[in-house]
PDB file of all heavy atoms in Angstrom:
ATOM      1  N   GLY A   1     116.374 199.807  44.048  1.00  0.00           N
ATOM      2  CA  GLY A   1     115.798 200.188  42.745  1.00  0.00           C
ATOM      3  C   GLY A   1     114.769 199.149  42.199  1.00  0.00           C
ATOM      4  O   GLY A   1     113.935 199.478  41.395  1.00  0.00           O
ATOM      5  N   ALA A   2     114.934 197.922  42.492  1.00  0.00           N
ATOM      6  CA  ALA A   2     113.980 196.892  42.069  1.00  0.00           C
ATOM      7  C   ALA A   2     112.827 196.721  42.986  1.00  0.00           C
ATOM      8  O   ALA A   2     112.017 195.913  42.752  1.00  0.00           O
ATOM      9  CB  ALA A   2     114.757 195.572  41.991  1.00  0.00           C
ATOM     10  N   GLY A   3     112.802 197.559  43.992  1.00  0.00           N
ATOM     11  CA  GLY A   3     111.550 197.371  45.040  1.00  0.00           C
ATOM     12  C   GLY A   3     111.890 196.390  46.066  1.00  0.00           C
ATOM     13  O   GLY A   3     111.026 196.162  46.908  1.00  0.00           O
ATOM     14  N   GLU A   4     113.027 195.808  46.171  1.00  0.00           N
ATOM     15  CA  GLU A   4     113.357 194.754  47.138  1.00  0.00           C
ATOM     16  C   GLU A   4     113.767 195.484  48.407  1.00  0.00           C
ATOM     17  O   GLU A   4     114.302 196.585  48.427  1.00  0.00           O
ATOM     18  CB  GLU A   4     114.535 193.780  46.643  1.00  0.00           C
ATOM     19  CG  GLU A   4     114.152 193.002  45.505  1.00  0.00           C
ATOM     20  CD  GLU A   4     113.010 192.029  45.840  1.00  0.00           C
ATOM     21  OE1 GLU A   4     112.988 191.418  46.945  1.00  0.00           O
ATOM     22  OE2 GLU A   4     112.190 191.859  44.953  1.00  0.00           O
ATOM     23  N   LEU A   5     113.315 194.903  49.527  1.00  0.00           N
ATOM     24  CA  LEU A   5     113.646 195.485  50.885  1.00  0.00           C
ATOM     25  C   LEU A   5     115.085 195.457  51.182  1.00  0.00           C
ATOM     26  O   LEU A   5     115.756 194.422  51.126  1.00  0.00           O
ATOM     27  CB  LEU A   5     112.917 194.697  52.003  1.00  0.00           C
ATOM     28  CG  LEU A   5     112.968 195.312  53.424  1.00  0.00           C
ATOM     29  CD1 LEU A   5     112.259 196.580  53.501  1.00  0.00           C
ATOM     30  CD2 LEU A   5     112.254 194.325  54.345  1.00  0.00           C
ATOM     31  N   VAL A   6     115.714 196.716  51.496  1.00  0.00           N
ATOM     32  CA  VAL A   6     117.039 196.829  51.924  1.00  0.00           C
ATOM     33  C   VAL A   6     116.983 196.809  53.481  1.00  0.00           C
ATOM     34  O   VAL A   6     117.855 196.185  54.015  1.00  0.00           O
ATOM     35  CB  VAL A   6     117.591 198.194  51.467  1.00  0.00           C
ATOM     36  CG1 VAL A   6     118.910 198.515  52.098  1.00  0.00           C
ATOM     37  CG2 VAL A   6     117.709 198.200  49.968  1.00  0.00           C
ATOM     38  N   GLY A   7     116.060 197.377  54.129  1.00  0.00           N
ATOM     39  CA  GLY A   7     116.050 197.362  55.565  1.00  0.00           C
ATOM     40  C   GLY A   7     114.745 198.128  56.021  1.00  0.00           C
ATOM     41  O   GLY A   7     114.181 198.779  55.338  1.00  0.00           O
ATOM     42  N   GLY A   8     114.580 198.067  57.284  1.00  0.00           N
ATOM     43  CA  GLY A   8     113.500 198.793  57.944  1.00  0.00           C
ATOM     44  C   GLY A   8     113.482 198.809  59.444  1.00  0.00           C
ATOM     45  O   GLY A   8     114.256 198.115  60.071  1.00  0.00           O
ATOM     46  N   LEU A   9     112.530 199.507  59.998  1.00  0.00           N
ATOM     47  CA  LEU A   9     112.402 199.734  61.391  1.00  0.00           C
ATOM     48  C   LEU A   9     110.934 199.803  61.672  1.00  0.00           C
ATOM     49  O   LEU A   9     110.183 200.388  60.980  1.00  0.00           O
ATOM     50  CB  LEU A   9     113.098 200.892  61.881  1.00  0.00           C
ATOM     51  CG  LEU A   9     113.028 201.281  63.326  1.00  0.00           C
ATOM     52  CD1 LEU A   9     114.405 201.998  63.794  1.00  0.00           C
ATOM     53  CD2 LEU A   9     111.930 202.271  63.558  1.00  0.00           C
ATOM     54  N   THR A  10     110.510 199.158  62.780  1.00  0.00           N
ATOM     55  CA  THR A  10     109.225 199.428  63.313  1.00  0.00           C
ATOM     56  C   THR A  10     109.299 199.858  64.762  1.00  0.00           C
ATOM     57  O   THR A  10     110.154 199.551  65.494  1.00  0.00           O
ATOM     58  CB  THR A  10     108.330 198.164  63.288  1.00  0.00           C
ATOM     59  OG1 THR A  10     108.963 197.101  64.055  1.00  0.00           O
ATOM     60  CG2 THR A  10     108.006 197.693  61.919  1.00  0.00           C
ATOM     61  N   ALA A  11     108.406 200.743  65.088  1.00  0.00           N
ATOM     62  CA  ALA A  11     108.484 201.464  66.482  1.00  0.00           C
ATOM     63  C   ALA A  11     107.118 201.852  66.956  1.00  0.00           C
ATOM     64  O   ALA A  11     106.178 201.864  66.248  1.00  0.00           O
ATOM     65  CB  ALA A  11     109.431 202.650  66.410  1.00  0.00           C
ATOM     66  N   TRP A  12     106.987 202.075  68.237  1.00  0.00           N
ATOM     67  CA  TRP A  12     105.788 202.539  68.831  1.00  0.00           C
ATOM     68  C   TRP A  12     106.160 203.828  69.674  1.00  0.00           C
ATOM     69  O   TRP A  12     107.245 203.986  70.052  1.00  0.00           O
ATOM     70  CB  TRP A  12     105.089 201.546  69.787  1.00  0.00           C
ATOM     71  CG  TRP A  12     106.083 200.854  70.694  1.00  0.00           C
ATOM     72  CD1 TRP A  12     106.796 199.642  70.602  1.00  0.00           C
ATOM     73  CD2 TRP A  12     106.415 201.336  72.004  1.00  0.00           C
ATOM     74  NE1 TRP A  12     107.580 199.477  71.776  1.00  0.00           N
ATOM     75  CE2 TRP A  12     107.421 200.448  72.623  1.00  0.00           C
ATOM     76  CE3 TRP A  12     106.015 202.455  72.834  1.00  0.00           C
ATOM     77  CZ2 TRP A  12     107.827 200.606  73.890  1.00  0.00           C
ATOM     78  CZ3 TRP A  12     106.667 202.742  74.078  1.00  0.00           C
ATOM     79  CH2 TRP A  12     107.546 201.823  74.639  1.00  0.00           C
ATOM     80  N   THR A  13     105.018 204.725  69.992  1.00  0.00           N
ATOM     81  CA  THR A  13     105.159 205.837  70.780  1.00  0.00           C
ATOM     82  C   THR A  13     104.147 205.802  71.852  1.00  0.00           C
ATOM     83  O   THR A  13     103.124 205.419  71.583  1.00  0.00           O
ATOM     84  CB  THR A  13     105.228 207.038  69.830  1.00  0.00           C
ATOM     85  OG1 THR A  13     104.045 207.239  69.138  1.00  0.00           O
ATOM     86  CG2 THR A  13     106.312 207.171  68.869  1.00  0.00           C
ATOM     87  N   TRP A  14     104.570 206.374  72.943  1.00  0.00           N
ATOM     88  CA  TRP A  14     103.611 206.437  73.896  1.00  0.00           C
ATOM     89  C   TRP A  14     104.069 207.366  75.087  1.00  0.00           C
ATOM     90  O   TRP A  14     105.145 207.135  75.729  1.00  0.00           O
ATOM     91  CB  TRP A  14     103.384 205.086  74.570  1.00  0.00           C
ATOM     92  CG  TRP A  14     102.446 204.988  75.889  1.00  0.00           C
ATOM     93  CD1 TRP A  14     101.274 205.513  75.988  1.00  0.00           C
ATOM     94  CD2 TRP A  14     102.801 204.147  76.998  1.00  0.00           C
ATOM     95  NE1 TRP A  14     100.749 205.239  77.218  1.00  0.00           N
ATOM     96  CE2 TRP A  14     101.594 204.371  77.813  1.00  0.00           C
ATOM     97  CE3 TRP A  14     103.751 203.382  77.456  1.00  0.00           C
ATOM     98  CZ2 TRP A  14     101.662 203.853  79.111  1.00  0.00           C
ATOM     99  CZ3 TRP A  14     103.715 202.856  78.631  1.00  0.00           C
ATOM    100  CH2 TRP A  14     102.617 203.005  79.487  1.00  0.00           C
ATOM    101  N   GLY A  15     103.408 208.469  75.341  1.00  0.00           N
ATOM    102  CA  GLY A  15     103.813 209.339  76.527  1.00  0.00           C
ATOM    103  C   GLY A  15     105.150 209.902  76.377  1.00  0.00           C
ATOM    104  O   GLY A  15     105.805 210.068  77.410  1.00  0.00           O
ATOM    105  N   GLY A  16     105.572 210.299  75.192  1.00  0.00           N
ATOM    106  CA  GLY A  16     106.887 210.851  75.001  1.00  0.00           C
ATOM    107  C   GLY A  16     108.080 209.928  74.776  1.00  0.00           C
ATOM    108  O   GLY A  16     109.154 210.250  74.739  1.00  0.00           O
ATOM    109  N   LEU A  17     107.686 208.648  74.913  1.00  0.00           N
ATOM    110  CA  LEU A  17     108.780 207.584  74.773  1.00  0.00           C
ATOM    111  C   LEU A  17     108.592 206.774  73.375  1.00  0.00           C
ATOM    112  O   LEU A  17     107.354 206.508  73.148  1.00  0.00           O
ATOM    113  CB  LEU A  17     108.566 206.527  75.896  1.00  0.00           C
ATOM    114  CG  LEU A  17     109.490 205.277  75.789  1.00  0.00           C
ATOM    115  CD1 LEU A  17     110.951 205.443  75.891  1.00  0.00           C
ATOM    116  CD2 LEU A  17     108.994 204.188  76.769  1.00  0.00           C
ATOM    117  N   CYS A  18     109.660 206.579  72.731  1.00  0.00           N
ATOM    118  CA  CYS A  18     109.627 205.834  71.521  1.00  0.00           C
ATOM    119  C   CYS A  18     110.245 204.432  71.822  1.00  0.00           C
ATOM    120  O   CYS A  18     111.302 204.406  72.397  1.00  0.00           O
ATOM    121  CB  CYS A  18     110.454 206.558  70.432  1.00  0.00           C
ATOM    122  SG  CYS A  18     110.644 205.491  68.951  1.00  0.00           S
ATOM    123  N   GLY A  19     109.629 203.403  71.410  1.00  0.00           N
ATOM    124  CA  GLY A  19     110.182 202.132  71.655  1.00  0.00           C
ATOM    125  C   GLY A  19     110.370 201.406  70.244  1.00  0.00           C
ATOM    126  O   GLY A  19     109.524 201.356  69.463  1.00  0.00           O
ATOM    127  N   ILE A  20     111.609 201.128  69.972  1.00  0.00           N
ATOM    128  CA  ILE A  20     112.033 200.472  68.714  1.00  0.00           C
ATOM    129  C   ILE A  20     111.738 199.061  68.922  1.00  0.00           C
ATOM    130  O   ILE A  20     112.347 198.351  69.742  1.00  0.00           O
ATOM    131  CB  ILE A  20     113.478 200.724  68.386  1.00  0.00           C
ATOM    132  CG1 ILE A  20     113.777 202.170  68.142  1.00  0.00           C
ATOM    133  CG2 ILE A  20     113.986 199.907  67.087  1.00  0.00           C
ATOM    134  CD1 ILE A  20     115.272 202.545  67.981  1.00  0.00           C
ATOM    135  N   SER A  21     110.816 198.393  68.127  1.00  0.00           N
ATOM    136  CA  SER A  21     110.487 196.983  68.139  1.00  0.00           C
ATOM    137  C   SER A  21     111.551 196.152  67.328  1.00  0.00           C
ATOM    138  O   SER A  21     111.963 195.237  67.890  1.00  0.00           O
ATOM    139  CB  SER A  21     109.103 196.851  67.604  1.00  0.00           C
ATOM    140  OG  SER A  21     108.235 197.592  68.224  1.00  0.00           O
ATOM    141  N   MET A  22     111.605 196.551  66.083  1.00  0.00           N
ATOM    142  CA  MET A  22     112.601 195.843  65.279  1.00  0.00           C
ATOM    143  C   MET A  22     113.332 196.746  64.250  1.00  0.00           C
ATOM    144  O   MET A  22     112.839 197.784  63.730  1.00  0.00           O
ATOM    145  CB  MET A  22     111.878 194.766  64.326  1.00  0.00           C
ATOM    146  CG  MET A  22     111.089 193.811  65.170  1.00  0.00           C
ATOM    147  SD  MET A  22     110.348 192.553  64.071  1.00  0.00           S
ATOM    148  CE  MET A  22     108.889 193.311  63.753  1.00  0.00           C
ATOM    149  N   LEU A  23     114.699 196.463  64.037  1.00  0.00           N
ATOM    150  CA  LEU A  23     115.457 197.160  63.012  1.00  0.00           C
ATOM    151  C   LEU A  23     116.220 196.030  62.349  1.00  0.00           C
ATOM    152  O   LEU A  23     116.986 195.228  63.033  1.00  0.00           O
ATOM    153  CB  LEU A  23     116.376 198.162  63.627  1.00  0.00           C
ATOM    154  CG  LEU A  23     117.121 199.151  62.515  1.00  0.00           C
ATOM    155  CD1 LEU A  23     117.646 200.380  63.326  1.00  0.00           C
ATOM    156  CD2 LEU A  23     118.301 198.406  61.957  1.00  0.00           C
ATOM    157  N   TRP A  24     116.133 196.061  60.988  1.00  0.00           N
ATOM    158  CA  TRP A  24     116.916 195.009  60.273  1.00  0.00           C
ATOM    159  C   TRP A  24     117.449 195.691  58.874  1.00  0.00           C
ATOM    160  O   TRP A  24     116.669 196.443  58.346  1.00  0.00           O
ATOM    161  CB  TRP A  24     115.983 193.895  59.875  1.00  0.00           C
ATOM    162  CG  TRP A  24     116.604 192.852  58.897  1.00  0.00           C
ATOM    163  CD1 TRP A  24     117.364 191.877  59.384  1.00  0.00           C
ATOM    164  CD2 TRP A  24     116.361 192.708  57.657  1.00  0.00           C
ATOM    165  NE1 TRP A  24     117.714 191.046  58.269  1.00  0.00           N
ATOM    166  CE2 TRP A  24     117.088 191.584  57.209  1.00  0.00           C
ATOM    167  CE3 TRP A  24     115.672 193.431  56.596  1.00  0.00           C
ATOM    168  CZ2 TRP A  24     117.211 191.155  55.848  1.00  0.00           C
ATOM    169  CZ3 TRP A  24     115.745 192.979  55.308  1.00  0.00           C
ATOM    170  CH2 TRP A  24     116.559 191.891  54.997  1.00  0.00           C
ATOM    171  N   VAL A  25     118.598 195.218  58.514  1.00  0.00           N
ATOM    172  CA  VAL A  25     119.168 195.683  57.276  1.00  0.00           C
ATOM    173  C   VAL A  25     119.690 194.415  56.452  1.00  0.00           C
ATOM    174  O   VAL A  25     120.323 193.504  57.158  1.00  0.00           O
ATOM    175  CB  VAL A  25     120.362 196.583  57.548  1.00  0.00           C
ATOM    176  CG1 VAL A  25     120.973 196.963  56.104  1.00  0.00           C
ATOM    177  CG2 VAL A  25     119.800 197.878  58.035  1.00  0.00           C
ATOM    178  N   ARG A  26     119.492 194.222  55.250  1.00  0.00           N
ATOM    179  CA  ARG A  26     119.681 193.057  54.352  1.00  0.00           C
ATOM    180  C   ARG A  26     121.259 192.932  54.483  1.00  0.00           C
ATOM    181  O   ARG A  26     122.047 194.038  54.401  1.00  0.00           O
ATOM    182  CB  ARG A  26     119.334 193.352  53.043  1.00  0.00           C
ATOM    183  CG  ARG A  26     119.330 192.152  52.037  1.00  0.00           C
ATOM    184  CD  ARG A  26     118.602 192.384  50.750  1.00  0.00           C
ATOM    185  NE  ARG A  26     119.447 193.274  49.972  1.00  0.00           N
ATOM    186  CZ  ARG A  26     118.919 194.010  49.051  1.00  0.00           C
ATOM    187  NH1 ARG A  26     117.678 193.913  48.720  1.00  0.00           N
ATOM    188  NH2 ARG A  26     119.751 194.759  48.295  1.00  0.00           N
ATOM    189  N   GLU A  27     121.740 191.774  54.495  1.00  0.00           N
ATOM    190  CA  GLU A  27     123.150 191.455  54.829  1.00  0.00           C
ATOM    191  C   GLU A  27     124.078 192.144  53.852  1.00  0.00           C
ATOM    192  O   GLU A  27     125.097 192.692  54.124  1.00  0.00           O
ATOM    193  CB  GLU A  27     123.465 189.908  54.755  1.00  0.00           C
ATOM    194  CG  GLU A  27     124.868 189.453  55.284  1.00  0.00           C
ATOM    195  CD  GLU A  27     125.115 188.127  55.490  1.00  0.00           C
ATOM    196  OE1 GLU A  27     124.048 187.370  55.284  1.00  0.00           O
ATOM    197  OE2 GLU A  27     126.217 187.803  55.655  1.00  0.00           O
TER     198      GLU A  27
END
C-alpha cells in the first residue's frame, strides 16, 4: 500500500520457451 516492493519476477520468452531470470519476495 505504501508503494514498497513486496516481490517480483523477470522472465524472457523465445520460441515457445519462457525462462525465469529472477523471482524474489521480501522476507
